[in-house]
C-alpha atoms as a PDB file:
ATOM      1  CA  UNK A   1       0.000   0.000   0.000  1.00  0.00           C
ATOM      2  CA  UNK A   2       1.185   3.522  -0.783  1.00  0.00           C
ATOM      3  CA  UNK A   3       2.373   5.798   2.023  1.00  0.00           C
ATOM      4  CA  UNK A   4       4.085   8.543   0.016  1.00  0.00           C
ATOM      5  CA  UNK A   5       3.371  12.156   1.080  1.00  0.00           C
ATOM      6  CA  UNK A   6       1.198  14.169  -1.318  1.00  0.00           C
ATOM      7  CA  UNK A   7       1.688  17.908  -1.848  1.00  0.00           C
ATOM      8  CA  UNK A   8      -0.932  20.090  -3.560  1.00  0.00           C
ATOM      9  CA  UNK A   9       0.622  23.120  -5.243  1.00  0.00           C
ATOM     10  CA  UNK A  10      -0.381  25.886  -7.655  1.00  0.00           C
ATOM     11  CA  UNK A  11      -0.877  29.597  -7.987  1.00  0.00           C
ATOM     12  CA  UNK A  12      -2.962  31.046  -5.134  1.00  0.00           C
ATOM     13  CA  UNK A  13      -6.706  31.066  -5.912  1.00  0.00           C
ATOM     14  CA  UNK A  14      -6.386  28.216  -8.405  1.00  0.00           C
ATOM     15  CA  UNK A  15      -8.706  25.876  -6.493  1.00  0.00           C
ATOM     16  CA  UNK A  16      -6.140  24.139  -4.323  1.00  0.00           C
ATOM     17  CA  UNK A  17      -8.413  24.226  -1.259  1.00  0.00           C
ATOM     18  CA  UNK A  18     -11.132  22.416  -3.209  1.00  0.00           C
ATOM     19  CA  UNK A  19      -8.584  19.794  -4.266  1.00  0.00           C
ATOM     20  CA  UNK A  20      -7.347  19.526  -0.681  1.00  0.00           C
ATOM     21  CA  UNK A  21     -10.891  18.681   0.415  1.00  0.00           C
ATOM     22  CA  UNK A  22     -11.332  16.182  -2.402  1.00  0.00           C
ATOM     23  CA  UNK A  23      -8.225  14.345  -1.283  1.00  0.00           C
ATOM     24  CA  UNK A  24      -9.212  14.604   2.376  1.00  0.00           C
ATOM     25  CA  UNK A  25     -12.529  12.969   1.449  1.00  0.00           C
ATOM     26  CA  UNK A  26     -10.638   9.821   0.441  1.00  0.00           C
ATOM     27  CA  UNK A  27     -10.810   7.124   3.144  1.00  0.00           C
ATOM     28  CA  UNK A  28      -7.028   6.653   3.138  1.00  0.00           C
ATOM     29  CA  UNK A  29      -5.750  10.235   2.769  1.00  0.00           C
ATOM     30  CA  UNK A  30      -5.781  13.193   5.177  1.00  0.00           C
ATOM     31  CA  UNK A  31      -4.851  16.719   4.066  1.00  0.00           C
ATOM     32  CA  UNK A  32      -5.019  19.379   6.809  1.00  0.00           C
ATOM     33  CA  UNK A  33      -5.721  23.100   6.616  1.00  0.00           C
ATOM     34  CA  UNK A  34      -2.729  25.198   5.610  1.00  0.00           C
ATOM     35  CA  UNK A  35       0.037  25.362   8.186  1.00  0.00           C
ATOM     36  CA  UNK A  36       2.944  27.775   8.385  1.00  0.00           C
ATOM     37  CA  UNK A  37       5.776  25.813   9.901  1.00  0.00           C
ATOM     38  CA  UNK A  38       7.186  23.588   7.155  1.00  0.00           C
ATOM     39  CA  UNK A  39       9.135  26.117   5.068  1.00  0.00           C
ATOM     40  CA  UNK A  40      10.205  28.301   8.058  1.00  0.00           C
ATOM     41  CA  UNK A  41      11.450  25.200   9.891  1.00  0.00           C
ATOM     42  CA  UNK A  42      13.547  24.235   6.897  1.00  0.00           C
ATOM     43  CA  UNK A  43      15.092  27.660   6.397  1.00  0.00           C
ATOM     44  CA  UNK A  44      15.675  27.973  10.162  1.00  0.00           C
ATOM     45  CA  UNK A  45      17.120  24.483  10.553  1.00  0.00           C
ATOM     46  CA  UNK A  46      20.510  25.646  11.792  1.00  0.00           C
ATOM     47  CA  UNK A  47      18.775  27.274  14.750  1.00  0.00           C
ATOM     48  CA  UNK A  48      17.264  23.949  15.815  1.00  0.00           C
ATOM     49  CA  UNK A  49      20.526  22.025  15.667  1.00  0.00           C
ATOM     50  CA  UNK A  50      21.246  18.381  14.929  1.00  0.00           C
ATOM     51  CA  UNK A  51      17.916  16.565  14.920  1.00  0.00           C
ATOM     52  CA  UNK A  52      19.647  13.288  15.805  1.00  0.00           C
ATOM     53  CA  UNK A  53      19.718  14.699  19.334  1.00  0.00           C
ATOM     54  CA  UNK A  54      16.478  14.202  21.238  1.00  0.00           C
ATOM     55  CA  UNK A  55      16.734  17.538  23.006  1.00  0.00           C
ATOM     56  CA  UNK A  56      16.869  19.332  19.652  1.00  0.00           C
ATOM     57  CA  UNK A  57      13.901  17.397  18.303  1.00  0.00           C
ATOM     58  CA  UNK A  58      11.930  18.482  21.339  1.00  0.00           C
ATOM     59  CA  UNK A  59      12.856  22.145  20.826  1.00  0.00           C
ATOM     60  CA  UNK A  60      11.720  22.022  17.189  1.00  0.00           C
ATOM     61  CA  UNK A  61       8.526  20.135  18.066  1.00  0.00           C
ATOM     62  CA  UNK A  62       7.700  22.637  20.806  1.00  0.00           C
ATOM     63  CA  UNK A  63       8.089  25.529  18.389  1.00  0.00           C
ATOM     64  CA  UNK A  64       5.790  23.809  15.872  1.00  0.00           C
ATOM     65  CA  UNK A  65       3.186  23.044  18.534  1.00  0.00           C
ATOM     66  CA  UNK A  66       3.220  26.376  20.369  1.00  0.00           C
ATOM     67  CA  UNK A  67       4.505  28.935  17.866  1.00  0.00           C
ATOM     68  CA  UNK A  68       2.253  31.909  17.390  1.00  0.00           C
ATOM     69  CA  UNK A  69       2.170  31.671  13.599  1.00  0.00           C
ATOM     70  CA  UNK A  70       2.485  27.930  12.937  1.00  0.00           C
ATOM     71  CA  UNK A  71      -1.287  27.233  12.820  1.00  0.00           C
ATOM     72  CA  UNK A  72      -0.759  23.978  14.752  1.00  0.00           C
ATOM     73  CA  UNK A  73      -3.827  24.791  16.841  1.00  0.00           C
ATOM     74  CA  UNK A  74      -6.036  24.396  13.751  1.00  0.00           C
ATOM     75  CA  UNK A  75      -5.064  20.726  13.372  1.00  0.00           C
ATOM     76  CA  UNK A  76      -6.969  19.505  16.423  1.00  0.00           C
ATOM     77  CA  UNK A  77      -3.976  17.612  17.803  1.00  0.00           C
ATOM     78  CA  UNK A  78      -2.815  17.131  21.364  1.00  0.00           C
ATOM     79  CA  UNK A  79       0.292  19.264  21.732  1.00  0.00           C
ATOM     80  CA  UNK A  80       2.016  17.234  24.431  1.00  0.00           C
ATOM     81  CA  UNK A  81       1.378  13.939  22.639  1.00  0.00           C
ATOM     82  CA  UNK A  82       2.813  15.291  19.389  1.00  0.00           C
ATOM     83  CA  UNK A  83       5.908  16.714  21.103  1.00  0.00           C
ATOM     84  CA  UNK A  84       6.591  13.398  22.823  1.00  0.00           C
ATOM     85  CA  UNK A  85       6.050  11.434  19.616  1.00  0.00           C
ATOM     86  CA  UNK A  86       8.336  13.697  17.567  1.00  0.00           C
ATOM     87  CA  UNK A  87      11.011  13.598  20.273  1.00  0.00           C
ATOM     88  CA  UNK A  88      10.951   9.811  20.327  1.00  0.00           C
ATOM     89  CA  UNK A  89      10.855   9.492  16.533  1.00  0.00           C
ATOM     90  CA  UNK A  90      13.606   9.295  13.901  1.00  0.00           C
ATOM     91  CA  UNK A  91      16.354  11.890  14.082  1.00  0.00           C
ATOM     92  CA  UNK A  92      15.937  14.184  11.100  1.00  0.00           C
ATOM     93  CA  UNK A  93      14.297  17.500  10.309  1.00  0.00           C
ATOM     94  CA  UNK A  94      11.834  15.943   7.896  1.00  0.00           C
ATOM     95  CA  UNK A  95      10.857  13.284  10.427  1.00  0.00           C
ATOM     96  CA  UNK A  96       9.838  15.843  13.053  1.00  0.00           C
ATOM     97  CA  UNK A  97       7.823  17.825  10.505  1.00  0.00           C
ATOM     98  CA  UNK A  98       6.316  14.704   8.954  1.00  0.00           C
ATOM     99  CA  UNK A  99       5.201  13.513  12.374  1.00  0.00           C
ATOM    100  CA  UNK A 100       2.759  16.444  12.523  1.00  0.00           C
ATOM    101  CA  UNK A 101       1.024  15.350   9.352  1.00  0.00           C
ATOM    102  CA  UNK A 102       1.157  11.687  10.240  1.00  0.00           C
ATOM    103  CA  UNK A 103      -0.507  12.542  13.563  1.00  0.00           C
ATOM    104  CA  UNK A 104      -3.184  14.495  11.725  1.00  0.00           C
ATOM    105  CA  UNK A 105      -3.871  11.506   9.477  1.00  0.00           C
ATOM    106  CA  UNK A 106      -4.061   9.233  12.528  1.00  0.00           C
ATOM    107  CA  UNK A 107      -6.690  11.548  14.002  1.00  0.00           C
ATOM    108  CA  UNK A 108      -8.986  10.424  11.166  1.00  0.00           C
ATOM    109  CA  UNK A 109      -7.797   6.820  11.167  1.00  0.00           C
ATOM    110  CA  UNK A 110      -6.024   7.265   7.834  1.00  0.00           C
ATOM    111  CA  UNK A 111      -2.621   5.824   6.869  1.00  0.00           C
ATOM    112  CA  UNK A 112      -1.530   8.503   4.414  1.00  0.00           C
ATOM    113  CA  UNK A 113      -1.087  12.260   4.605  1.00  0.00           C
ATOM    114  CA  UNK A 114      -0.816  15.239   2.306  1.00  0.00           C
ATOM    115  CA  UNK A 115      -0.232  18.953   2.631  1.00  0.00           C
ATOM    116  CA  UNK A 116      -1.516  21.931   0.679  1.00  0.00           C
ATOM    117  CA  UNK A 117      -0.029  25.362   0.297  1.00  0.00           C
ATOM    118  CA  UNK A 118      -0.035  27.100  -3.092  1.00  0.00           C
ATOM    119  CA  UNK A 119       3.379  28.735  -2.638  1.00  0.00           C
ATOM    120  CA  UNK A 120       4.987  25.300  -2.320  1.00  0.00           C
ATOM    121  CA  UNK A 121       5.377  25.398  -6.109  1.00  0.00           C
ATOM    122  CA  UNK A 122       8.488  27.514  -5.436  1.00  0.00           C
ATOM    123  CA  UNK A 123       9.833  25.049  -2.876  1.00  0.00           C
ATOM    124  CA  UNK A 124       9.546  21.650  -4.543  1.00  0.00           C
ATOM    125  CA  UNK A 125      13.307  21.160  -4.224  1.00  0.00           C
ATOM    126  CA  UNK A 126      13.333  21.630  -0.453  1.00  0.00           C
ATOM    127  CA  UNK A 127      10.195  19.535  -0.036  1.00  0.00           C
ATOM    128  CA  UNK A 128      12.010  16.728  -1.846  1.00  0.00           C
ATOM    129  CA  UNK A 129      14.989  17.183   0.432  1.00  0.00           C
ATOM    130  CA  UNK A 130      12.723  16.596   3.432  1.00  0.00           C
ATOM    131  CA  UNK A 131      10.402  14.051   1.795  1.00  0.00           C
ATOM    132  CA  UNK A 132      12.334  12.396  -1.056  1.00  0.00           C
ATOM    133  CA  UNK A 133       9.456  10.066  -1.991  1.00  0.00           C
ATOM    134  CA  UNK A 134       6.858  12.870  -2.209  1.00  0.00           C
ATOM    135  CA  UNK A 135       4.289  13.235  -4.966  1.00  0.00           C
ATOM    136  CA  UNK A 136       3.213  16.645  -6.265  1.00  0.00           C
ATOM    137  CA  UNK A 137      -0.156  17.597  -7.719  1.00  0.00           C
ATOM    138  CA  UNK A 138      -0.083  20.928  -9.550  1.00  0.00           C
ATOM    139  CA  UNK A 139      -3.542  22.424 -10.078  1.00  0.00           C
ATOM    140  CA  UNK A 140      -3.619  24.943 -12.929  1.00  0.00           C
ATOM    141  CA  UNK A 141      -6.370  27.490 -13.495  1.00  0.00           C
ATOM    142  CA  UNK A 142      -6.842  30.197 -16.113  1.00  0.00           C
ATOM    143  CA  UNK A 143      -4.396  32.905 -15.056  1.00  0.00           C
ATOM    144  CA  UNK A 144      -6.952  35.638 -15.649  1.00  0.00           C
ATOM    145  CA  UNK A 145      -9.334  34.021 -13.138  1.00  0.00           C
ATOM    146  CA  UNK A 146      -6.494  33.657 -10.613  1.00  0.00           C
ATOM    147  CA  UNK A 147      -5.565  37.325 -10.943  1.00  0.00           C
ATOM    148  CA  UNK A 148      -9.206  38.414 -10.617  1.00  0.00           C
ATOM    149  CA  UNK A 149      -9.654  36.299  -7.498  1.00  0.00           C
ATOM    150  CA  UNK A 150      -6.383  37.412  -5.898  1.00  0.00           C
ATOM    151  CA  UNK A 151      -7.413  41.053  -6.245  1.00  0.00           C
ATOM    152  CA  UNK A 152     -10.519  40.357  -4.158  1.00  0.00           C
ATOM    153  CA  UNK A 153      -8.757  38.637  -1.263  1.00  0.00           C
ATOM    154  CA  UNK A 154      -8.582  40.559   2.046  1.00  0.00           C
ATOM    155  CA  UNK A 155      -5.062  39.237   2.636  1.00  0.00           C
ATOM    156  CA  UNK A 156      -3.642  40.198  -0.770  1.00  0.00           C
ATOM    157  CA  UNK A 157      -2.084  43.649  -0.687  1.00  0.00           C
ATOM    158  CA  UNK A 158       0.089  43.592  -3.809  1.00  0.00           C
ATOM    159  CA  UNK A 159      -0.713  45.000  -7.237  1.00  0.00           C
ATOM    160  CA  UNK A 160      -2.230  43.303 -10.273  1.00  0.00           C
ATOM    161  CA  UNK A 161       1.279  43.291 -11.753  1.00  0.00           C
ATOM    162  CA  UNK A 162       2.482  41.053  -8.918  1.00  0.00           C
ATOM    163  CA  UNK A 163      -0.597  38.839  -9.236  1.00  0.00           C
ATOM    164  CA  UNK A 164       0.057  38.321 -12.939  1.00  0.00           C
ATOM    165  CA  UNK A 165       3.718  37.592 -12.218  1.00  0.00           C
ATOM    166  CA  UNK A 166       2.698  35.094  -9.547  1.00  0.00           C
ATOM    167  CA  UNK A 167       0.719  33.027 -12.062  1.00  0.00           C
ATOM    168  CA  UNK A 168       3.575  33.181 -14.573  1.00  0.00           C
ATOM    169  CA  UNK A 169       5.956  31.895 -11.889  1.00  0.00           C
ATOM    170  CA  UNK A 170       3.654  28.996 -11.027  1.00  0.00           C
ATOM    171  CA  UNK A 171       3.471  27.943 -14.675  1.00  0.00           C
ATOM    172  CA  UNK A 172       7.217  28.284 -15.233  1.00  0.00           C
ATOM    173  CA  UNK A 173       8.097  26.346 -12.091  1.00  0.00           C
ATOM    174  CA  UNK A 174       5.578  23.708 -13.122  1.00  0.00           C
ATOM    175  CA  UNK A 175       7.197  23.283 -16.510  1.00  0.00           C
ATOM    176  CA  UNK A 176      10.608  22.817 -14.914  1.00  0.00           C
ATOM    177  CA  UNK A 177       9.260  20.369 -12.357  1.00  0.00           C
ATOM    178  CA  UNK A 178       7.551  18.339 -15.080  1.00  0.00           C
ATOM    179  CA  UNK A 179      10.891  17.961 -16.856  1.00  0.00           C
ATOM    180  CA  UNK A 180      13.159  17.184 -13.925  1.00  0.00           C
ATOM    181  CA  UNK A 181      11.114  15.199 -11.405  1.00  0.00           C
ATOM    182  CA  UNK A 182      11.155  11.383 -11.536  1.00  0.00           C
ATOM    183  CA  UNK A 183       8.292   9.558 -13.208  1.00  0.00           C
ATOM    184  CA  UNK A 184       5.360   9.156 -10.867  1.00  0.00           C
ATOM    185  CA  UNK A 185       6.275  12.228  -8.801  1.00  0.00           C
ATOM    186  CA  UNK A 186       4.568  15.109 -10.628  1.00  0.00           C
ATOM    187  CA  UNK A 187       1.028  15.474 -11.969  1.00  0.00           C
ATOM    188  CA  UNK A 188      -0.799  18.410 -13.535  1.00  0.00           C
ATOM    189  CA  UNK A 189      -4.517  18.956 -13.948  1.00  0.00           C
ATOM    190  CA  UNK A 190      -6.690  21.918 -14.835  1.00  0.00           C
ATOM    191  CA  UNK A 191      -9.220  23.421 -12.449  1.00  0.00           C
ATOM    192  CA  UNK A 192     -11.686  23.788 -15.300  1.00  0.00           C
ATOM    193  CA  UNK A 193     -11.504  20.069 -16.126  1.00  0.00           C
ATOM    194  CA  UNK A 194     -11.752  19.081 -12.478  1.00  0.00           C
ATOM    195  CA  UNK A 195     -14.897  21.116 -11.895  1.00  0.00           C
ATOM    196  CA  UNK A 196     -16.497  20.087 -15.204  1.00  0.00           C
ATOM    197  CA  UNK A 197     -16.054  16.323 -14.666  1.00  0.00           C
ATOM    198  CA  UNK A 198     -14.831  15.633 -11.112  1.00  0.00           C
ATOM    199  CA  UNK A 199     -15.291  11.876 -11.286  1.00  0.00           C
ATOM    200  CA  UNK A 200     -13.223  11.412 -14.429  1.00  0.00           C
ATOM    201  CA  UNK A 201     -10.420  13.711 -13.282  1.00  0.00           C
ATOM    202  CA  UNK A 202     -10.306  12.258  -9.772  1.00  0.00           C
ATOM    203  CA  UNK A 203     -10.139   8.718 -11.119  1.00  0.00           C
ATOM    204  CA  UNK A 204      -7.097   9.710 -13.168  1.00  0.00           C
ATOM    205  CA  UNK A 205      -5.609  11.493 -10.172  1.00  0.00           C
ATOM    206  CA  UNK A 206      -6.123   8.438  -7.964  1.00  0.00           C
ATOM    207  CA  UNK A 207      -4.279   6.391 -10.562  1.00  0.00           C
ATOM    208  CA  UNK A 208      -1.322   8.749 -10.151  1.00  0.00           C
ATOM    209  CA  UNK A 209      -1.207   8.587  -6.342  1.00  0.00           C
ATOM    210  CA  UNK A 210      -1.797   4.828  -6.359  1.00  0.00           C
ATOM    211  CA  UNK A 211      -5.160   4.812  -4.586  1.00  0.00           C
ATOM    212  CA  UNK A 212      -8.585   3.473  -5.464  1.00  0.00           C
ATOM    213  CA  UNK A 213     -11.067   6.170  -6.450  1.00  0.00           C
ATOM    214  CA  UNK A 214     -13.808   6.822  -3.895  1.00  0.00           C
ATOM    215  CA  UNK A 215     -17.116   8.596  -4.796  1.00  0.00           C
ATOM    216  CA  UNK A 216     -16.949  10.781  -1.669  1.00  0.00           C
ATOM    217  CA  UNK A 217     -14.136  12.706  -3.336  1.00  0.00           C
ATOM    218  CA  UNK A 218     -16.703  14.337  -5.651  1.00  0.00           C
ATOM    219  CA  UNK A 219     -18.533  15.859  -2.687  1.00  0.00           C
ATOM    220  CA  UNK A 220     -15.751  17.692  -0.815  1.00  0.00           C
ATOM    221  CA  UNK A 221     -18.197  20.112   0.814  1.00  0.00           C
ATOM    222  CA  UNK A 222     -18.999  17.432   3.397  1.00  0.00           C
ATOM    223  CA  UNK A 223     -15.534  17.722   4.990  1.00  0.00           C
ATOM    224  CA  UNK A 224     -15.150  21.494   4.616  1.00  0.00           C
ATOM    225  CA  UNK A 225     -16.236  22.166   8.196  1.00  0.00           C
ATOM    226  CA  UNK A 226     -13.435  19.916   9.441  1.00  0.00           C
ATOM    227  CA  UNK A 227     -10.617  20.756   7.049  1.00  0.00           C
ATOM    228  CA  UNK A 228     -11.212  24.485   6.388  1.00  0.00           C
ATOM    229  CA  UNK A 229     -10.960  26.870   9.379  1.00  0.00           C
ATOM    230  CA  UNK A 230     -14.122  28.956   9.848  1.00  0.00           C
ATOM    231  CA  UNK A 231     -12.206  32.259   9.868  1.00  0.00           C
ATOM    232  CA  UNK A 232     -11.089  31.726   6.251  1.00  0.00           C
ATOM    233  CA  UNK A 233     -14.222  33.268   4.795  1.00  0.00           C
ATOM    234  CA  UNK A 234     -12.574  33.524   1.361  1.00  0.00           C
ATOM    235  CA  UNK A 235     -12.956  29.723   1.152  1.00  0.00           C
ATOM    236  CA  UNK A 236     -16.724  29.897   1.644  1.00  0.00           C
ATOM    237  CA  UNK A 237     -17.308  28.429  -1.822  1.00  0.00           C
ATOM    238  CA  UNK A 238     -15.813  25.133  -0.641  1.00  0.00           C
ATOM    239  CA  UNK A 239     -18.866  24.595   1.584  1.00  0.00           C
ATOM    240  CA  UNK A 240     -21.029  24.132  -1.507  1.00  0.00           C
ATOM    241  CA  UNK A 241     -21.078  21.579  -4.300  1.00  0.00           C
ATOM    242  CA  UNK A 242     -18.367  21.577  -6.965  1.00  0.00           C
ATOM    243  CA  UNK A 243     -19.347  24.039  -9.670  1.00  0.00           C
ATOM    244  CA  UNK A 244     -18.062  25.555 -12.910  1.00  0.00           C
ATOM    245  CA  UNK A 245     -19.778  28.878 -12.167  1.00  0.00           C
ATOM    246  CA  UNK A 246     -16.549  30.760 -11.480  1.00  0.00           C
ATOM    247  CA  UNK A 247     -14.684  29.582 -14.576  1.00  0.00           C
ATOM    248  CA  UNK A 248     -14.187  32.418 -17.038  1.00  0.00           C
ATOM    249  CA  UNK A 249     -15.573  35.043 -14.686  1.00  0.00           C
ATOM    250  CA  UNK A 250     -12.434  37.118 -15.229  1.00  0.00           C
ATOM    251  CA  UNK A 251     -14.176  38.856 -18.147  1.00  0.00           C
ATOM    252  CA  UNK A 252     -16.468  40.632 -15.649  1.00  0.00           C
ATOM    253  CA  UNK A 253     -13.990  40.958 -12.775  1.00  0.00           C
ATOM    254  CA  UNK A 254     -10.910  42.400 -14.468  1.00  0.00           C
ATOM    255  CA  UNK A 255     -10.438  45.900 -15.862  1.00  0.00           C
ATOM    256  CA  UNK A 256      -9.918  46.069 -19.662  1.00  0.00           C
ATOM    257  CA  UNK A 257      -6.290  47.065 -19.193  1.00  0.00           C
ATOM    258  CA  UNK A 258      -5.713  44.053 -16.908  1.00  0.00           C
ATOM    259  CA  UNK A 259      -7.163  41.692 -19.495  1.00  0.00           C
ATOM    260  CA  UNK A 260      -4.952  43.260 -22.156  1.00  0.00           C
ATOM    261  CA  UNK A 261      -1.872  42.900 -19.963  1.00  0.00           C
ATOM    262  CA  UNK A 262      -2.651  39.295 -18.994  1.00  0.00           C
ATOM    263  CA  UNK A 263      -3.072  38.264 -22.602  1.00  0.00           C
ATOM    264  CA  UNK A 264      -0.006  40.213 -23.719  1.00  0.00           C
ATOM    265  CA  UNK A 265       2.492  38.845 -21.188  1.00  0.00           C
ATOM    266  CA  UNK A 266       0.847  35.480 -20.422  1.00  0.00           C
ATOM    267  CA  UNK A 267      -0.477  34.696 -23.882  1.00  0.00           C
ATOM    268  CA  UNK A 268       1.806  31.767 -24.755  1.00  0.00           C
ATOM    269  CA  UNK A 269       1.377  30.217 -21.326  1.00  0.00           C
ATOM    270  CA  UNK A 270      -2.409  30.586 -21.461  1.00  0.00           C
ATOM    271  CA  UNK A 271      -2.829  29.060 -24.908  1.00  0.00           C
ATOM    272  CA  UNK A 272      -0.431  26.209 -24.150  1.00  0.00           C
ATOM    273  CA  UNK A 273      -2.857  25.070 -21.441  1.00  0.00           C
ATOM    274  CA  UNK A 274      -5.906  25.438 -23.651  1.00  0.00           C
ATOM    275  CA  UNK A 275      -7.133  28.868 -22.538  1.00  0.00           C
ATOM    276  CA  UNK A 276      -8.422  30.935 -25.459  1.00  0.00           C
ATOM    277  CA  UNK A 277      -7.476  34.593 -25.717  1.00  0.00           C
ATOM    278  CA  UNK A 278     -10.207  37.213 -26.011  1.00  0.00           C
ATOM    279  CA  UNK A 279      -8.493  39.282 -28.665  1.00  0.00           C
ATOM    280  CA  UNK A 280      -7.907  42.209 -26.320  1.00  0.00           C
ATOM    281  CA  UNK A 281      -5.775  45.057 -27.721  1.00  0.00           C
ATOM    282  CA  UNK A 282      -2.066  45.123 -27.034  1.00  0.00           C
ATOM    283  CA  UNK A 283      -1.215  46.221 -23.501  1.00  0.00           C
ATOM    284  CA  UNK A 284       0.056  49.736 -22.860  1.00  0.00           C
ATOM    285  CA  UNK A 285       3.826  50.047 -22.659  1.00  0.00           C
ATOM    286  CA  UNK A 286       3.700  51.471 -19.145  1.00  0.00           C
ATOM    287  CA  UNK A 287       1.691  48.446 -17.954  1.00  0.00           C
ATOM    288  CA  UNK A 288       4.120  45.996 -19.543  1.00  0.00           C
ATOM    289  CA  UNK A 289       6.996  47.888 -17.948  1.00  0.00           C
ATOM    290  CA  UNK A 290       5.343  47.796 -14.518  1.00  0.00           C
ATOM    291  CA  UNK A 291       4.768  44.051 -14.898  1.00  0.00           C
ATOM    292  CA  UNK A 292       8.422  43.474 -15.801  1.00  0.00           C
ATOM    293  CA  UNK A 293       9.522  45.516 -12.779  1.00  0.00           C
ATOM    294  CA  UNK A 294       7.309  43.494 -10.433  1.00  0.00           C
ATOM    295  CA  UNK A 295       8.506  40.213 -11.950  1.00  0.00           C
ATOM    296  CA  UNK A 296      12.136  41.286 -11.604  1.00  0.00           C
ATOM    297  CA  UNK A 297      11.653  42.188  -7.925  1.00  0.00           C
ATOM    298  CA  UNK A 298      10.075  38.820  -7.215  1.00  0.00           C
ATOM    299  CA  UNK A 299      12.826  37.003  -9.098  1.00  0.00           C
ATOM    300  CA  UNK A 300      15.549  38.909  -7.259  1.00  0.00           C
ATOM    301  CA  UNK A 301      14.060  38.159  -3.839  1.00  0.00           C
ATOM    302  CA  UNK A 302      13.758  34.488  -4.751  1.00  0.00           C
ATOM    303  CA  UNK A 303      17.355  34.262  -5.915  1.00  0.00           C
ATOM    304  CA  UNK A 304      18.631  35.874  -2.721  1.00  0.00           C
ATOM    305  CA  UNK A 305      16.819  33.277  -0.658  1.00  0.00           C
ATOM    306  CA  UNK A 306      18.023  30.452  -2.910  1.00  0.00           C
ATOM    307  CA  UNK A 307      21.641  31.566  -2.660  1.00  0.00           C
ATOM    308  CA  UNK A 308      21.439  31.798   1.135  1.00  0.00           C
ATOM    309  CA  UNK A 309      20.091  28.276   1.229  1.00  0.00           C
ATOM    310  CA  UNK A 310      22.922  26.986  -0.964  1.00  0.00           C
ATOM    311  CA  UNK A 311      25.380  28.312   1.590  1.00  0.00           C
ATOM    312  CA  UNK A 312      23.410  26.830   4.474  1.00  0.00           C
ATOM    313  CA  UNK A 313      23.426  23.421   2.814  1.00  0.00           C
ATOM    314  CA  UNK A 314      27.200  23.392   3.207  1.00  0.00           C
ATOM    315  CA  UNK A 315      26.930  23.650   6.979  1.00  0.00           C
ATOM    316  CA  UNK A 316      23.761  21.816   7.918  1.00  0.00           C
ATOM    317  CA  UNK A 317      23.729  20.639  11.542  1.00  0.00           C
ATOM    318  CA  UNK A 318      22.110  17.263  10.839  1.00  0.00           C
ATOM    319  CA  UNK A 319      20.120  15.113   8.406  1.00  0.00           C
ATOM    320  CA  UNK A 320      17.169  16.620   6.579  1.00  0.00           C
ATOM    321  CA  UNK A 321      15.321  13.737   4.912  1.00  0.00           C
ATOM    322  CA  UNK A 322      12.402  12.152   6.744  1.00  0.00           C
ATOM    323  CA  UNK A 323      12.591   8.494   7.754  1.00  0.00           C
ATOM    324  CA  UNK A 324       8.905   7.787   8.273  1.00  0.00           C
ATOM    325  CA  UNK A 325       7.649   5.989   5.151  1.00  0.00           C
ATOM    326  CA  UNK A 326       8.935   2.791   3.618  1.00  0.00           C
ATOM    327  CA  UNK A 327      10.136   4.728   0.584  1.00  0.00           C
ATOM    328  CA  UNK A 328      12.057   7.222   2.708  1.00  0.00           C
ATOM    329  CA  UNK A 329      13.723   4.462   4.709  1.00  0.00           C
ATOM    330  CA  UNK A 330      14.671   2.580   1.553  1.00  0.00           C
ATOM    331  CA  UNK A 331      16.243   5.688   0.008  1.00  0.00           C
ATOM    332  CA  UNK A 332      18.251   6.167   3.218  1.00  0.00           C
ATOM    333  CA  UNK A 333      19.467   2.570   3.107  1.00  0.00           C
ATOM    334  CA  UNK A 334      17.461   1.532   6.179  1.00  0.00           C
ATOM    335  CA  UNK A 335      15.490  -1.696   6.579  1.00  0.00           C
ATOM    336  CA  UNK A 336      11.663  -1.705   6.488  1.00  0.00           C
ATOM    337  CA  UNK A 337      10.166  -0.414   9.734  1.00  0.00           C
ATOM    338  CA  UNK A 338       8.786  -3.823  10.772  1.00  0.00           C
ATOM    339  CA  UNK A 339      12.240  -5.386  10.554  1.00  0.00           C
ATOM    340  CA  UNK A 340      13.797  -2.443  12.380  1.00  0.00           C
ATOM    341  CA  UNK A 341      11.254  -2.669  15.192  1.00  0.00           C
ATOM    342  CA  UNK A 342      11.719  -6.404  15.559  1.00  0.00           C
ATOM    343  CA  UNK A 343      15.441  -5.793  15.850  1.00  0.00           C
ATOM    344  CA  UNK A 344      14.891  -3.120  18.484  1.00  0.00           C
ATOM    345  CA  UNK A 345      15.668  -0.156  16.218  1.00  0.00           C
ATOM    346  CA  UNK A 346      13.767   3.056  15.368  1.00  0.00           C
END
């Protein structure tokens, strides 16, 4: 039976919460609400020391469980029990982090876990460092609809230029991931196809993750109250049935100049995924220039972070890869867990 971690990625407002709920509706898979500890824990790994030492595992686990911004409280887990379990578990950064999600899955009696955060599309490499047997599901939605939806979010304070650049980044990272990731590790599907024929698309998706399709996956609204925090009112649509009503609504939600800019700078990307252009006039030069400036700023910030991480990889305090699944243990050259336990190991 499969036990590989599953990560849902994509541009923000591309329907990843709906897909999270569809997966969480499967009897063998649990995908929690978004957390905020995985990427910060990785980039702050030097601070938490060698995770082969129990005392360091406890420090990291305590930060995850009690940190003000980690969102652990939304998982419905017992803090003390998790801290003890992570402290007693395998000695690696990924193992401590993976124990959170494994505990969440156990809360629902499920053997397999996933995680969803749209911005993970930029961090596939570090996710693979922590979970080398992970599978990635990239949900793609018409970039014009993503931009229109981002503009309406109470938490989004950047310009339309940044929103357009965000979608372009998600597509470009997706193309690179599709080329470089091992077979069976990366899967793309379109939001529009998923909402138009959920059963067909979910059956294909289940084939990718190695699970039997279950009809409950087509009715994700039934688990929304459990897996979507009530304060996230921008996910209110997930409490209703799957619908195509929002597809193509960008034509009423975007300004004419925004449509022109999207189709000018995203045109090739849009058409390559089957999204027809409206024939909008060419974007104004000042709008194209502003887009390029925003994209350059985002690219520069990303490169700075990447270069810092390259340096940190040269002086890591301890192992990073998780040792929780059979695939992870095999890649690390360890025996299957049952054999290790019978021999008195971890």
